[in-house]
């Protein structure tokens, strides 16, 4: 294998729902798995719909990045998966609370269904600190 990869275990984020890692580091990059609006302590979605799920997904993403040795400030690209594109405006407001300057590139798409019927899932690619 040309490069090395290091599996990231994020104790403060929800456990994986399948055979995947919370994140993988390689070179000076970290690639995260998509994060849902699941409370890591309860293992269930936070109540409150798209607003609460987006906020929790971003808290979970923060925990994964920190476990990898990175942060939201180092994110270069995010992908936001939405159950309903009509929720884009609400998601965008919450997203703007977490990314306040030097915004990462972003894609946002509506999907047919998310794991556990979530409203939003967010993944990122970030530089290592």
Protein backbone atom coordinates (compact mmCIF):
# COMPACT_ATOMS: atom_id res chain seq x y z
CA UNK A 1 0.00 0.00 0.00
CA UNK A 2 1.45 3.36 -1.03
CA UNK A 3 0.17 5.37 1.94
CA UNK A 4 -0.86 4.56 5.44
CA UNK A 5 -4.28 4.93 6.95
CA UNK A 6 -5.14 5.29 10.59
CA UNK A 7 -8.58 4.45 11.94
CA UNK A 8 -10.07 7.08 14.25
CA UNK A 9 -12.12 6.03 17.26
CA UNK A 10 -14.32 8.83 18.58
CA UNK A 11 -15.50 8.06 22.11
CA UNK A 12 -17.66 11.21 22.27
CA UNK A 13 -19.59 10.47 19.07
CA UNK A 14 -22.27 7.84 18.41
CA UNK A 15 -21.07 4.33 17.69
CA UNK A 16 -20.99 3.21 14.07
CA UNK A 17 -24.23 1.67 12.82
CA UNK A 18 -22.33 -0.76 10.57
CA UNK A 19 -18.91 -1.94 9.43
CA UNK A 20 -17.25 1.45 9.03
CA UNK A 21 -15.02 3.81 10.99
CA UNK A 22 -15.93 7.21 12.43
CA UNK A 23 -13.03 8.63 10.43
CA UNK A 24 -9.85 7.65 8.65
CA UNK A 25 -6.62 9.68 8.67
CA UNK A 26 -4.14 9.50 5.83
CA UNK A 27 -1.34 11.91 5.06
CA UNK A 28 -2.47 15.32 6.32
CA UNK A 29 -6.17 14.64 5.80
CA UNK A 30 -9.02 13.16 7.79
CA UNK A 31 -12.14 11.78 6.13
CA UNK A 32 -15.17 11.44 8.38
CA UNK A 33 -18.14 9.16 8.10
CA UNK A 34 -21.48 10.90 7.90
CA UNK A 35 -22.77 12.05 11.26
CA UNK A 36 -26.45 11.90 12.15
CA UNK A 37 -28.33 13.83 14.81
CA UNK A 38 -27.97 11.00 17.32
CA UNK A 39 -27.26 11.66 20.99
CA UNK A 40 -24.10 9.58 21.67
CA UNK A 41 -25.17 8.80 25.24
CA UNK A 42 -28.68 7.60 24.43
CA UNK A 43 -28.06 6.23 20.95
CA UNK A 44 -31.26 7.87 19.71
CA UNK A 45 -32.08 10.90 17.63
CA UNK A 46 -32.38 14.13 19.57
CA UNK A 47 -35.94 15.46 19.64
CA UNK A 48 -36.74 18.67 17.80
CA UNK A 49 -36.64 17.82 14.10
CA UNK A 50 -34.24 19.17 11.51
CA UNK A 51 -32.92 22.02 13.67
CA UNK A 52 -31.99 19.79 16.61
CA UNK A 53 -30.70 16.98 14.40
CA UNK A 54 -28.47 19.35 12.41
CA UNK A 55 -27.02 20.84 15.59
CA UNK A 56 -26.36 17.37 17.05
CA UNK A 57 -24.87 16.09 13.79
CA UNK A 58 -22.43 19.01 13.85
CA UNK A 59 -21.59 18.38 17.51
CA UNK A 60 -20.92 14.74 16.58
CA UNK A 61 -18.81 15.83 13.61
CA UNK A 62 -16.82 18.09 15.95
CA UNK A 63 -16.18 15.16 18.32
CA UNK A 64 -14.98 12.96 15.46
CA UNK A 65 -12.66 15.65 14.11
CA UNK A 66 -11.23 16.34 17.57
CA UNK A 67 -10.61 12.61 18.10
CA UNK A 68 -8.67 12.67 14.83
CA UNK A 69 -6.58 15.68 15.87
CA UNK A 70 -8.45 18.19 13.73
CA UNK A 71 -11.30 20.67 14.13
CA UNK A 72 -14.13 22.40 12.30
CA UNK A 73 -11.71 25.23 11.48
CA UNK A 74 -9.66 22.75 9.42
CA UNK A 75 -12.58 21.42 7.36
CA UNK A 76 -12.07 21.90 3.62
CA UNK A 77 -15.21 20.13 2.32
CA UNK A 78 -18.54 18.98 3.71
CA UNK A 79 -21.38 17.03 2.20
CA UNK A 80 -24.84 17.47 3.68
CA UNK A 81 -27.45 14.82 2.98
CA UNK A 82 -31.05 15.92 3.62
CA UNK A 83 -34.20 13.85 3.81
CA UNK A 84 -36.12 16.86 2.47
CA UNK A 85 -34.58 19.77 0.56
CA UNK A 86 -37.30 21.97 2.05
CA UNK A 87 -35.23 21.72 5.27
CA UNK A 88 -32.22 23.34 3.58
CA UNK A 89 -32.90 26.83 5.00
CA UNK A 90 -33.14 25.64 8.60
CA UNK A 91 -30.09 23.39 8.20
CA UNK A 92 -28.16 26.29 6.63
CA UNK A 93 -28.84 28.59 9.59
CA UNK A 94 -27.59 26.00 12.10
CA UNK A 95 -24.63 25.13 9.85
CA UNK A 96 -23.72 28.84 9.87
CA UNK A 97 -23.49 28.75 13.67
CA UNK A 98 -20.68 26.19 13.42
CA UNK A 99 -18.87 27.46 10.30
CA UNK A 100 -18.58 31.22 10.75
CA UNK A 101 -15.70 32.21 8.45
CA UNK A 102 -13.34 30.76 5.88
CA UNK A 103 -16.18 28.45 4.92
CA UNK A 104 -15.41 24.99 3.60
CA UNK A 105 -16.64 23.93 0.20
CA UNK A 106 -20.02 22.22 0.53
CA UNK A 107 -22.47 20.08 -1.36
CA UNK A 108 -26.03 19.54 -0.18
CA UNK A 109 -28.32 16.94 -1.67
CA UNK A 110 -31.71 15.44 -0.95
CA UNK A 111 -31.60 11.67 -0.64
CA UNK A 112 -34.31 9.02 -0.73
CA UNK A 113 -33.58 7.86 2.80
CA UNK A 114 -30.97 8.21 5.55
CA UNK A 115 -29.88 5.62 8.13
CA UNK A 116 -32.44 5.16 10.90
CA UNK A 117 -34.69 7.61 8.98
CA UNK A 118 -32.68 10.64 10.07
CA UNK A 119 -33.42 14.12 8.76
CA UNK A 120 -29.79 15.07 8.04
CA UNK A 121 -26.33 13.53 7.77
CA UNK A 122 -23.10 15.51 7.45
CA UNK A 123 -19.64 14.30 6.48
CA UNK A 124 -16.37 16.19 6.11
CA UNK A 125 -12.84 16.18 4.82
CA UNK A 126 -10.42 18.16 6.98
CA UNK A 127 -6.77 18.97 7.32
CA UNK A 128 -4.98 17.68 10.39
CA UNK A 129 -3.92 20.40 12.85
